[in-house]
Protein backbone atom coordinates (compact mmCIF):
# COMPACT_ATOMS: atom_id res chain seq x y z
CA UNK A 1 38.81 -67.22 -16.40
CA UNK A 2 42.39 -66.11 -15.66
CA UNK A 3 43.01 -65.87 -19.40
CA UNK A 4 40.13 -63.38 -19.64
CA UNK A 5 41.74 -61.20 -16.97
CA UNK A 6 45.13 -61.37 -18.72
CA UNK A 7 43.58 -60.44 -22.07
CA UNK A 8 41.68 -57.60 -20.40
CA UNK A 9 44.92 -56.12 -19.03
CA UNK A 10 46.46 -56.18 -22.52
CA UNK A 11 43.40 -54.53 -24.09
CA UNK A 12 43.08 -51.73 -21.52
CA UNK A 13 46.78 -50.97 -22.02
CA UNK A 14 46.02 -50.46 -25.69
CA UNK A 15 43.30 -48.02 -24.67
CA UNK A 16 45.98 -45.62 -23.41
CA UNK A 17 47.42 -45.42 -26.93
CA UNK A 18 43.91 -45.07 -28.39
CA UNK A 19 43.13 -42.34 -25.88
CA UNK A 20 46.18 -40.32 -26.86
CA UNK A 21 45.48 -40.78 -30.59
CA UNK A 22 41.81 -39.77 -30.58
CA UNK A 23 42.54 -36.78 -28.34
CA UNK A 24 44.38 -35.21 -31.27
CA UNK A 25 41.01 -34.80 -33.01
CA UNK A 26 39.52 -33.26 -29.88
CA UNK A 27 42.47 -30.88 -29.74
CA UNK A 28 41.96 -29.85 -33.38
CA UNK A 29 38.31 -29.10 -32.69
CA UNK A 30 38.80 -27.22 -29.42
CA UNK A 31 41.88 -25.37 -30.66
CA UNK A 32 44.01 -25.70 -27.52
CA UNK A 33 45.48 -28.84 -25.90
CA UNK A 34 44.62 -27.54 -22.44
CA UNK A 35 40.99 -27.05 -23.37
CA UNK A 36 40.87 -30.49 -24.98
CA UNK A 37 42.39 -32.10 -21.88
CA UNK A 38 39.88 -30.28 -19.65
CA UNK A 39 36.94 -31.52 -21.73
CA UNK A 40 38.26 -35.08 -21.94
CA UNK A 41 38.93 -35.33 -18.20
CA UNK A 42 35.51 -33.86 -17.40
CA UNK A 43 33.93 -36.58 -19.58
CA UNK A 44 35.95 -39.29 -17.82
CA UNK A 45 35.03 -37.91 -14.37
CA UNK A 46 31.35 -37.82 -15.30
CA UNK A 47 31.37 -41.38 -16.65
CA UNK A 48 33.10 -42.72 -13.54
CA UNK A 49 30.80 -40.79 -11.23
CA UNK A 50 27.75 -42.28 -12.97
CA UNK A 51 29.14 -45.84 -12.74
CA UNK A 52 30.13 -45.29 -9.10
CA UNK A 53 26.62 -44.06 -8.29
CA UNK A 54 25.01 -47.02 -10.10
CA UNK A 55 26.98 -49.58 -8.05
CA UNK A 56 26.25 -47.67 -4.84
CA UNK A 57 29.80 -46.59 -3.99
CA UNK A 58 29.38 -42.82 -4.41
CA UNK A 59 28.91 -42.33 -0.69
CA UNK A 60 32.49 -43.42 -0.06
CA UNK A 61 33.69 -40.10 -1.48
CA UNK A 62 32.46 -38.42 1.70
CA UNK A 63 35.39 -40.01 3.55
CA UNK A 64 37.92 -37.78 1.74
CA UNK A 65 37.52 -35.32 4.63
CA UNK A 66 39.55 -37.72 6.76
CA UNK A 67 42.30 -38.27 4.14
CA UNK A 68 45.71 -36.58 4.27
CA UNK A 69 45.45 -33.91 1.51
CA UNK A 70 48.46 -35.05 -0.56
CA UNK A 71 46.85 -38.47 -1.03
CA UNK A 72 44.20 -36.73 -3.16
CA UNK A 73 46.75 -35.46 -5.66
CA UNK A 74 47.22 -38.62 -7.74
CA UNK A 75 44.81 -37.25 -10.32
CA UNK A 76 47.26 -34.50 -11.30
CA UNK A 77 49.15 -37.11 -13.34
CA UNK A 78 46.25 -37.50 -15.78
CA UNK A 79 46.33 -33.96 -17.26
CA UNK A 80 50.12 -34.17 -17.50
CA UNK A 81 49.90 -37.42 -19.48
CA UNK A 82 46.98 -36.36 -21.67
CA UNK A 83 48.36 -32.93 -22.57
CA UNK A 84 51.81 -34.40 -23.24
CA UNK A 85 50.34 -37.00 -25.60
CA UNK A 86 48.44 -34.32 -27.54
CA UNK A 87 51.66 -32.36 -27.95
CA UNK A 88 53.98 -35.30 -28.69
CA UNK A 89 52.03 -37.55 -31.07
CA UNK A 90 52.15 -35.17 -34.07
CA UNK A 91 55.84 -34.43 -33.45
CA UNK A 92 57.33 -37.85 -32.64
CA UNK A 93 54.67 -40.32 -33.78
CA UNK A 94 52.54 -42.71 -31.72
CA UNK A 95 55.13 -45.47 -31.28
CA UNK A 96 58.01 -43.18 -30.29
CA UNK A 97 55.79 -41.17 -27.93
CA UNK A 98 54.39 -44.25 -26.23
CA UNK A 99 57.89 -45.69 -26.06
CA UNK A 100 58.95 -42.62 -24.08
CA UNK A 101 55.91 -42.96 -21.83
CA UNK A 102 56.74 -46.61 -21.22
CA UNK A 103 60.39 -45.80 -20.46
CA UNK A 104 59.28 -43.24 -17.90
CA UNK A 105 56.80 -45.72 -16.43
CA UNK A 106 59.40 -48.46 -16.12
CA UNK A 107 62.02 -46.33 -14.41
CA UNK A 108 59.53 -44.67 -12.08
CA UNK A 109 58.19 -48.11 -11.15
CA UNK A 110 61.74 -49.25 -10.46
CA UNK A 111 62.32 -46.26 -8.19
CA UNK A 112 59.11 -47.00 -6.27
CA UNK A 113 59.86 -50.73 -5.98
CA UNK A 114 63.55 -50.51 -5.12
CA UNK A 115 63.07 -47.60 -2.73
CA UNK A 116 59.87 -48.83 -1.13
CA UNK A 117 58.35 -45.38 -1.77
CA UNK A 118 54.74 -44.23 -1.33
CA UNK A 119 53.71 -47.44 0.41
CA UNK A 120 54.98 -49.72 -2.35
CA UNK A 121 56.61 -52.88 -0.90
CA UNK A 122 60.39 -52.77 -1.34
CA UNK A 123 61.71 -55.17 -3.98
CA UNK A 124 65.31 -56.40 -4.36
CA UNK A 125 67.43 -55.54 -7.38
CA UNK A 126 67.70 -58.68 -9.55
CA UNK A 127 69.63 -59.50 -12.75
CA UNK A 128 66.33 -59.53 -14.66
CA UNK A 129 65.51 -56.02 -13.48
CA UNK A 130 68.94 -54.74 -14.49
CA UNK A 131 68.71 -56.38 -17.91
CA UNK A 132 65.19 -55.06 -18.47
CA UNK A 133 66.14 -51.55 -17.34
CA UNK A 134 68.99 -51.56 -19.86
CA UNK A 135 66.80 -52.90 -22.68
CA UNK A 136 64.07 -50.26 -22.37
CA UNK A 137 66.16 -47.17 -23.30
CA UNK A 138 67.87 -49.18 -26.06
CA UNK A 139 64.46 -50.02 -27.52
CA UNK A 140 63.17 -46.45 -27.52
CA UNK A 141 66.44 -45.17 -29.02
CA UNK A 142 66.14 -47.67 -31.88
CA UNK A 143 62.52 -46.65 -32.48
CA UNK A 144 63.24 -42.92 -32.62
CA UNK A 145 66.35 -43.30 -34.81
CA UNK A 146 64.62 -45.67 -37.22
CA UNK A 147 61.72 -43.23 -37.48
CA UNK A 148 64.13 -40.46 -38.47
CA UNK A 149 65.48 -42.69 -41.26
CA UNK A 150 62.02 -43.56 -42.60
CA UNK A 151 60.40 -40.11 -42.43
CA UNK A 152 63.53 -38.03 -42.87
CA UNK A 153 65.20 -35.91 -40.23
CA UNK A 154 63.17 -32.87 -41.30
CA UNK A 155 59.97 -34.64 -40.22
CA UNK A 156 61.17 -34.66 -36.60
CA UNK A 157 61.68 -31.67 -34.32
CA UNK A 158 65.12 -30.06 -34.37
CA UNK A 159 67.72 -31.67 -32.12
CA UNK A 160 67.49 -29.04 -29.37
CA UNK A 161 63.69 -29.08 -29.14
CA UNK A 162 63.69 -32.87 -29.58
CA UNK A 163 65.52 -33.19 -26.27
CA UNK A 164 62.80 -31.13 -24.60
CA UNK A 165 60.00 -33.21 -26.12
CA UNK A 166 61.83 -36.39 -25.12
CA UNK A 167 62.10 -35.18 -21.52
CA UNK A 168 58.39 -34.32 -21.52
CA UNK A 169 57.54 -37.85 -22.71
CA UNK A 170 59.65 -39.44 -19.98
CA UNK A 171 58.08 -37.27 -17.27
CA UNK A 172 54.57 -37.91 -18.58
CA UNK A 173 55.19 -41.65 -18.37
CA UNK A 174 56.86 -41.45 -14.96
CA UNK A 175 53.87 -39.78 -13.31
CA UNK A 176 51.57 -42.73 -14.10
CA UNK A 177 53.03 -45.26 -11.62
CA UNK A 178 53.32 -42.48 -9.04
CA UNK A 179 49.62 -41.82 -9.60
CA UNK A 180 48.90 -45.51 -9.10
CA UNK A 181 50.85 -45.62 -5.84
CA UNK A 182 49.14 -42.50 -4.47
CA UNK A 183 45.69 -43.77 -5.51
CA UNK A 184 46.46 -47.10 -3.81
CA UNK A 185 47.02 -45.19 -0.57
CA UNK A 186 43.74 -43.35 -1.14
CA UNK A 187 41.99 -46.67 -1.66
CA UNK A 188 42.92 -47.81 1.85
CA UNK A 189 40.90 -44.85 3.14
CA UNK A 190 37.92 -44.94 0.76
CA UNK A 191 37.90 -48.75 0.30
CA UNK A 192 36.02 -48.46 -2.99
CA UNK A 193 38.06 -48.56 -6.22
CA UNK A 194 35.43 -46.77 -8.31
CA UNK A 195 35.17 -43.98 -5.75
CA UNK A 196 38.96 -43.58 -5.88
CA UNK A 197 38.83 -43.35 -9.67
CA UNK A 198 36.09 -40.72 -9.50
CA UNK A 199 38.07 -38.62 -7.00
CA UNK A 200 41.20 -38.98 -9.12
CA UNK A 201 39.47 -37.67 -12.24
CA UNK A 202 37.68 -34.87 -10.37
CA UNK A 203 41.07 -33.69 -9.10
CA UNK A 204 42.52 -34.04 -12.60
CA UNK A 205 39.71 -31.98 -14.13
CA UNK A 206 40.05 -29.25 -11.51
CA UNK A 207 43.84 -29.11 -11.96
CA UNK A 208 43.78 -28.75 -15.75
CA UNK A 209 40.85 -26.29 -15.58
CA UNK A 210 42.94 -24.05 -13.29
CA UNK A 211 45.90 -24.29 -15.69
CA UNK A 212 43.61 -23.44 -18.62
CA UNK A 213 42.17 -20.42 -16.76
CA UNK A 214 45.65 -19.09 -15.94
CA UNK A 215 46.87 -19.54 -19.52
CA UNK A 216 43.76 -17.82 -20.89
CA UNK A 217 44.17 -14.94 -18.46
CA UNK A 218 47.79 -14.44 -19.52
CA UNK A 219 47.08 -14.90 -23.23
CA UNK A 220 49.31 -17.98 -23.55
CA UNK A 221 46.74 -20.27 -25.17
CA UNK A 222 43.82 -19.69 -27.58
CA UNK A 223 40.28 -19.55 -26.26
CA UNK A 224 38.62 -23.00 -26.55
CA UNK A 225 36.19 -23.39 -29.46
CA UNK A 226 32.87 -25.19 -29.07
CA UNK A 227 31.26 -24.98 -32.52
CA UNK A 228 33.85 -27.20 -34.32
CA UNK A 229 33.02 -30.07 -31.95
CA UNK A 230 29.91 -30.86 -34.01
CA UNK A 231 32.09 -31.75 -37.01
CA UNK A 232 34.49 -33.97 -35.05
CA UNK A 233 34.38 -37.71 -35.93
CA UNK A 234 32.43 -39.81 -33.44
CA UNK A 235 35.56 -41.61 -32.27
CA UNK A 236 37.08 -38.28 -31.24
CA UNK A 237 34.90 -38.50 -28.12
CA UNK A 238 36.33 -41.85 -27.01
CA UNK A 239 39.28 -40.43 -25.03
CA UNK A 240 37.27 -39.88 -21.86
CA UNK A 241 35.73 -43.35 -22.01
CA UNK A 242 39.15 -44.93 -22.67
CA UNK A 243 40.67 -43.11 -19.69
CA UNK A 244 37.82 -44.06 -17.36
CA UNK A 245 37.94 -47.69 -18.52
CA UNK A 246 41.71 -47.90 -18.03
CA UNK A 247 41.58 -46.55 -14.47
CA UNK A 248 38.64 -48.75 -13.50
CA UNK A 249 40.08 -51.90 -15.08
CA UNK A 250 43.52 -51.53 -13.49
CA UNK A 251 41.99 -51.07 -10.05
CA UNK A 252 39.98 -54.26 -10.53
CA UNK A 253 42.71 -56.32 -12.22
CA UNK A 254 45.60 -55.67 -9.82
CA UNK A 255 44.01 -57.58 -6.88
CA UNK A 256 43.11 -60.43 -9.26
CA UNK A 257 46.26 -61.05 -11.35
CA UNK A 258 48.80 -58.97 -9.42
CA UNK A 259 50.40 -55.58 -9.95
CA UNK A 260 53.46 -56.84 -11.85
CA UNK A 261 51.42 -58.81 -14.37
CA UNK A 262 48.93 -55.97 -14.83
CA UNK A 263 51.66 -53.39 -15.47
CA UNK A 264 53.57 -55.66 -17.86
CA UNK A 265 50.48 -56.45 -19.94
CA UNK A 266 49.13 -52.89 -20.03
CA UNK A 267 52.54 -51.58 -21.09
CA UNK A 268 52.71 -54.20 -23.84
CA UNK A 269 49.20 -53.28 -24.98
CA UNK A 270 50.25 -49.62 -25.18
CA UNK A 271 53.24 -50.41 -27.35
CA UNK A 272 51.46 -52.78 -29.73
CA UNK A 273 48.44 -50.50 -30.22
CA UNK A 274 50.65 -47.46 -30.88
CA UNK A 275 52.72 -49.44 -33.39
CA UNK A 276 49.63 -50.37 -35.41
CA UNK A 277 48.23 -46.82 -35.13
CA UNK A 278 51.49 -45.53 -36.64
CA UNK A 279 51.71 -48.19 -39.34
CA UNK A 280 48.15 -47.85 -40.64
CA UNK A 281 47.64 -44.16 -39.86
CA UNK A 282 44.65 -44.90 -37.62
CA UNK A 283 42.74 -41.95 -36.15
CA UNK A 284 44.14 -39.70 -38.91
CA UNK A 285 47.70 -39.98 -37.62
CA UNK A 286 50.58 -39.60 -40.12
CA UNK A 287 51.55 -43.04 -41.44
CA UNK A 288 54.90 -44.34 -40.21
CA UNK A 289 55.19 -47.88 -41.64
CA UNK A 290 56.80 -50.83 -39.90
CA UNK A 291 60.47 -51.39 -40.64
CA UNK A 292 62.82 -54.07 -39.35
CA UNK A 293 64.50 -51.50 -37.12
CA UNK A 294 61.21 -50.24 -35.66
CA UNK A 295 60.00 -53.80 -35.03
CA UNK A 296 63.32 -54.59 -33.36
CA UNK A 297 62.97 -51.53 -31.16
CA UNK A 298 59.39 -52.46 -30.27
CA UNK A 299 60.40 -56.03 -29.40
CA UNK A 300 63.23 -54.72 -27.23
CA UNK A 301 60.84 -52.38 -25.41
CA UNK A 302 58.36 -55.20 -24.78
CA UNK A 303 61.09 -57.57 -23.60
CA UNK A 304 62.62 -54.95 -21.31
CA UNK A 305 59.25 -54.09 -19.77
CA UNK A 306 58.49 -57.78 -19.17
CA UNK A 307 61.90 -58.45 -17.59
CA UNK A 308 61.52 -55.51 -15.20
CA UNK A 309 58.03 -56.55 -14.11
CA UNK A 310 58.30 -60.33 -14.02
CA UNK A 311 61.85 -61.09 -12.82
């Protein structure tokens, strides 16, 4: 049975890469990444609300009136991650983008663990953590540089803008463990994981909807299109389901196999799924085939993530 839980953690990690990939099709149909993120998060919130109602936990949401307001803000991380993925995947590729997300996740997790922040138990700094923390940026650097060699430097953003996109990827990854820590605090109040997930996605939908409204009012993003959605491939709708499944599964897996194991396996699933999506051009992504350098970078990322989480 434990093997099933371990395999589940790996698979739901891969769903994050799938989510980011299929959202590109949603973005093409809607015509604005902010509109696509709003629609995807609304779908995820609806799915979780339905599941929460079916299992009888929807009433727990009423207890948010007693929760300190900032503990409701974990959901803001979701629109940051989703919008960043829509923007980064066409520019840097799936593997490089997810590598940046993972790097941000790892270092944010380290900050939470070593500092004992946001209710996370303080962990000591060990040789394994130091080695893993050093391996992660080496791995992502190898991936990005090897991609430039394979596709040509002209296929990547210019050096100045590349630094900005890289920073965005790191921030988008870093907000995920912060979201997890904040949602864990919310769970102590609501006591129902599915209710916490529903609240998180409702907050996320509201946040990105406000951003979309402001950008539309100031003319900084195109008006979302509805008609092209009918021509979108069926799998373009899977982003919301992938997001809802990931949040639900991680809430259920962490008490069963532990936080460190869950994070390590989901991160590995992200990296492996994104590597195959790049190599085979899944979900209409540009093909970026495996090379020895890219595989070395991927292996270094996986090893670094495992060292940080397990040692």
